[in-house]
Amino acid sequence: MIQTGATAATSNCDWHKTSYANLIRYVPSRSYYARLRVKGKLIRKRLKTDMLAVGKFRLADFEIPERQRAESGEAAAINLV
């Protein structure tokens, strides 16, 4: 079976955009993630929810301190696990 470019691209896509800026969903785990760019650096963080309404609030709770930290010149905390 040969797939065209359009169907091959959509069938392998695990990340879906939401109607909210900086909020994406990983389909296999059904989890929401924050994805934002601060001072040219891409920051992604799992929001530990599978509900859109909760993801919106957790995104705001994550985004505001990250942008404030960038403005004040502090380095972003990186968790290495």
N, C-alpha and C. Protein backbone atom coordinates (compact mmCIF):
# COMPACT_ATOMS: atom_id res chain seq x y z
N MET A 1 0.84 -1.18 0.00
CA MET A 1 0.00 0.00 0.00
C MET A 1 0.89 1.25 0.00
N ILE A 2 0.64 2.13 -0.93
CA ILE A 2 1.41 3.36 -1.06
C ILE A 2 0.56 4.52 -0.57
N GLN A 3 1.15 5.32 0.32
CA GLN A 3 0.44 6.48 0.85
C GLN A 3 0.93 7.73 0.17
N THR A 4 0.04 8.64 -0.07
CA THR A 4 0.45 9.93 -0.61
C THR A 4 1.05 10.75 0.50
N GLY A 5 1.71 11.85 0.15
CA GLY A 5 2.36 12.70 1.14
C GLY A 5 1.41 13.25 2.18
N ALA A 6 0.20 13.62 1.78
CA ALA A 6 -0.75 14.22 2.72
C ALA A 6 -1.24 13.20 3.75
N THR A 7 -1.57 12.00 3.32
CA THR A 7 -2.07 11.02 4.27
C THR A 7 -0.96 10.46 5.14
N ALA A 8 0.24 10.35 4.61
CA ALA A 8 1.37 9.87 5.41
C ALA A 8 1.70 10.86 6.52
N ALA A 9 1.63 12.14 6.21
CA ALA A 9 1.96 13.17 7.21
C ALA A 9 0.92 13.21 8.32
N THR A 10 -0.35 13.06 7.98
CA THR A 10 -1.39 13.16 9.01
C THR A 10 -1.46 11.90 9.85
N SER A 11 -1.14 10.75 9.30
CA SER A 11 -1.25 9.52 10.08
C SER A 11 -0.12 9.38 11.10
N ASN A 12 1.03 10.02 10.86
CA ASN A 12 2.17 9.92 11.77
C ASN A 12 2.28 11.08 12.74
N CYS A 13 1.32 11.97 12.72
CA CYS A 13 1.40 13.17 13.56
C CYS A 13 0.86 12.85 14.96
N ASP A 14 1.74 12.91 15.96
CA ASP A 14 1.34 12.63 17.33
C ASP A 14 1.02 13.88 18.13
N TRP A 15 1.41 15.05 17.63
CA TRP A 15 1.18 16.31 18.33
C TRP A 15 0.06 17.07 17.64
N HIS A 16 -0.91 17.55 18.42
CA HIS A 16 -2.01 18.34 17.86
C HIS A 16 -2.05 19.71 18.50
N LYS A 17 -2.29 20.71 17.68
CA LYS A 17 -2.47 22.06 18.19
C LYS A 17 -3.84 22.17 18.83
N THR A 18 -3.96 23.08 19.76
CA THR A 18 -5.26 23.38 20.34
C THR A 18 -5.67 24.77 19.87
N SER A 19 -6.84 25.20 20.28
CA SER A 19 -7.29 26.53 19.89
C SER A 19 -6.66 27.62 20.76
N TYR A 20 -5.80 27.24 21.67
CA TYR A 20 -5.14 28.19 22.57
C TYR A 20 -3.66 28.27 22.25
N ALA A 21 -3.13 29.47 22.26
CA ALA A 21 -1.71 29.68 21.96
C ALA A 21 -0.84 29.00 23.01
N ASN A 22 0.23 28.37 22.57
CA ASN A 22 1.24 27.74 23.42
C ASN A 22 0.75 26.50 24.14
N LEU A 23 -0.36 25.93 23.74
CA LEU A 23 -0.89 24.72 24.36
C LEU A 23 -1.04 23.65 23.28
N ILE A 24 -0.33 22.53 23.45
CA ILE A 24 -0.40 21.44 22.50
C ILE A 24 -0.75 20.16 23.22
N ARG A 25 -1.20 19.16 22.45
CA ARG A 25 -1.62 17.88 23.04
C ARG A 25 -0.85 16.75 22.38
N TYR A 26 -0.30 15.87 23.20
CA TYR A 26 0.38 14.67 22.72
C TYR A 26 -0.66 13.56 22.67
N VAL A 27 -1.00 13.11 21.48
CA VAL A 27 -2.14 12.21 21.29
C VAL A 27 -1.97 10.84 21.96
N PRO A 28 -0.82 10.14 21.84
CA PRO A 28 -0.74 8.82 22.46
C PRO A 28 -1.00 8.79 23.97
N SER A 29 -0.54 9.81 24.68
CA SER A 29 -0.76 9.84 26.13
C SER A 29 -1.95 10.71 26.53
N ARG A 30 -2.49 11.46 25.57
CA ARG A 30 -3.60 12.39 25.79
C ARG A 30 -3.25 13.50 26.78
N SER A 31 -1.97 13.80 26.94
CA SER A 31 -1.52 14.83 27.87
C SER A 31 -1.34 16.16 27.15
N TYR A 32 -1.52 17.24 27.90
CA TYR A 32 -1.31 18.58 27.37
C TYR A 32 0.06 19.08 27.79
N TYR A 33 0.68 19.85 26.90
CA TYR A 33 2.01 20.40 27.12
C TYR A 33 2.01 21.88 26.84
N ALA A 34 2.83 22.61 27.59
CA ALA A 34 3.09 24.02 27.29
C ALA A 34 4.26 24.05 26.32
N ARG A 35 4.15 24.86 25.30
CA ARG A 35 5.24 25.02 24.33
C ARG A 35 5.34 26.50 24.01
N LEU A 36 6.37 27.14 24.56
CA LEU A 36 6.53 28.56 24.34
C LEU A 36 7.98 28.91 24.09
N ARG A 37 8.17 30.02 23.43
CA ARG A 37 9.51 30.49 23.11
C ARG A 37 9.78 31.76 23.90
N VAL A 38 10.84 31.74 24.71
CA VAL A 38 11.21 32.88 25.54
C VAL A 38 12.65 33.23 25.21
N LYS A 39 12.86 34.46 24.74
CA LYS A 39 14.19 34.94 24.34
C LYS A 39 14.86 33.98 23.37
N GLY A 40 14.10 33.47 22.42
CA GLY A 40 14.64 32.61 21.38
C GLY A 40 14.79 31.15 21.76
N LYS A 41 14.52 30.79 23.00
CA LYS A 41 14.65 29.40 23.42
C LYS A 41 13.28 28.76 23.53
N LEU A 42 13.17 27.55 23.03
CA LEU A 42 11.93 26.81 23.09
C LEU A 42 11.84 26.09 24.42
N ILE A 43 10.76 26.30 25.13
CA ILE A 43 10.54 25.67 26.43
C ILE A 43 9.29 24.81 26.32
N ARG A 44 9.43 23.54 26.68
CA ARG A 44 8.28 22.63 26.71
C ARG A 44 8.16 22.04 28.09
N LYS A 45 6.93 21.89 28.54
CA LYS A 45 6.70 21.29 29.85
C LYS A 45 5.38 20.55 29.85
N ARG A 46 5.39 19.36 30.40
CA ARG A 46 4.17 18.58 30.53
C ARG A 46 3.33 19.21 31.63
N LEU A 47 2.05 19.40 31.34
CA LEU A 47 1.15 20.06 32.30
C LEU A 47 0.41 19.07 33.18
N LYS A 48 0.67 17.79 33.02
CA LYS A 48 0.13 16.72 33.86
C LYS A 48 -1.39 16.72 33.93
N THR A 49 -2.02 16.86 32.77
CA THR A 49 -3.48 16.78 32.70
C THR A 49 -3.89 16.30 31.32
N ASP A 50 -5.07 15.72 31.26
CA ASP A 50 -5.63 15.34 29.96
C ASP A 50 -6.93 16.10 29.69
N MET A 51 -7.18 17.13 30.49
CA MET A 51 -8.38 17.95 30.32
C MET A 51 -7.98 19.34 29.83
N LEU A 52 -8.65 19.82 28.79
CA LEU A 52 -8.31 21.09 28.16
C LEU A 52 -8.46 22.26 29.12
N ALA A 53 -9.54 22.30 29.89
CA ALA A 53 -9.77 23.43 30.80
C ALA A 53 -8.66 23.53 31.85
N VAL A 54 -8.24 22.40 32.38
CA VAL A 54 -7.16 22.39 33.37
C VAL A 54 -5.84 22.80 32.70
N GLY A 55 -5.63 22.33 31.48
CA GLY A 55 -4.42 22.69 30.74
C GLY A 55 -4.29 24.18 30.52
N LYS A 56 -5.41 24.86 30.24
CA LYS A 56 -5.38 26.32 30.05
C LYS A 56 -4.88 27.02 31.31
N PHE A 57 -5.41 26.62 32.47
CA PHE A 57 -5.02 27.27 33.72
C PHE A 57 -3.57 26.95 34.08
N ARG A 58 -3.15 25.72 33.88
CA ARG A 58 -1.76 25.36 34.20
C ARG A 58 -0.78 26.02 33.24
N LEU A 59 -1.21 26.24 32.00
CA LEU A 59 -0.38 26.96 31.05
C LEU A 59 -0.12 28.38 31.54
N ALA A 60 -1.16 29.05 31.99
CA ALA A 60 -1.00 30.42 32.51
C ALA A 60 -0.10 30.42 33.74
N ASP A 61 -0.28 29.43 34.63
CA ASP A 61 0.55 29.35 35.83
C ASP A 61 2.02 29.10 35.50
N PHE A 62 2.28 28.46 34.37
CA PHE A 62 3.66 28.18 33.97
C PHE A 62 4.25 29.32 33.15
N GLU A 63 3.45 29.92 32.29
CA GLU A 63 3.96 30.91 31.33
C GLU A 63 4.36 32.23 31.99
N ILE A 64 3.59 32.72 32.90
CA ILE A 64 3.86 34.03 33.51
C ILE A 64 5.20 34.05 34.24
N PRO A 65 5.49 33.08 35.13
CA PRO A 65 6.80 33.11 35.80
C PRO A 65 7.98 32.92 34.84
N GLU A 66 7.80 32.12 33.79
CA GLU A 66 8.89 31.92 32.83
C GLU A 66 9.23 33.23 32.13
N ARG A 67 8.23 33.97 31.71
CA ARG A 67 8.48 35.25 31.03
C ARG A 67 9.06 36.28 32.00
N GLN A 68 8.59 36.28 33.25
CA GLN A 68 9.15 37.21 34.24
C GLN A 68 10.60 36.89 34.53
N ARG A 69 10.91 35.59 34.62
CA ARG A 69 12.28 35.16 34.88
C ARG A 69 13.19 35.59 33.74
N ALA A 70 12.71 35.52 32.51
CA ALA A 70 13.51 35.93 31.36
C ALA A 70 13.74 37.44 31.36
N GLU A 71 12.73 38.21 31.76
CA GLU A 71 12.87 39.66 31.81
C GLU A 71 13.85 40.10 32.89
N SER A 72 13.85 39.40 34.01
CA SER A 72 14.74 39.79 35.10
C SER A 72 16.17 39.32 34.89
N GLY A 73 16.38 38.46 33.89
CA GLY A 73 17.73 38.02 33.57
C GLY A 73 18.15 36.74 34.27
N GLU A 74 17.27 36.13 35.03
CA GLU A 74 17.61 34.87 35.69
C GLU A 74 17.60 33.76 34.68
N ALA A 75 18.44 32.76 34.92
CA ALA A 75 18.43 31.58 34.05
C ALA A 75 17.26 30.70 34.41
N ALA A 76 16.66 30.11 33.42
CA ALA A 76 15.53 29.20 33.64
C ALA A 76 16.04 27.93 34.32
N ALA A 77 15.26 27.43 35.26
CA ALA A 77 15.62 26.22 35.95
C ALA A 77 15.40 25.03 35.03
N ILE A 78 16.39 24.14 34.98
CA ILE A 78 16.29 22.96 34.14
C ILE A 78 16.38 21.74 35.07
N ASN A 79 15.38 20.87 34.96
CA ASN A 79 15.37 19.66 35.76
C ASN A 79 15.95 18.52 34.93
N LEU A 80 17.05 17.96 35.39
CA LEU A 80 17.65 16.82 34.72
C LEU A 80 17.32 15.56 35.52
N VAL A 81 16.59 14.71 34.89
CA VAL A 81 16.17 13.47 35.57
C VAL A 81 16.65 12.30 34.79
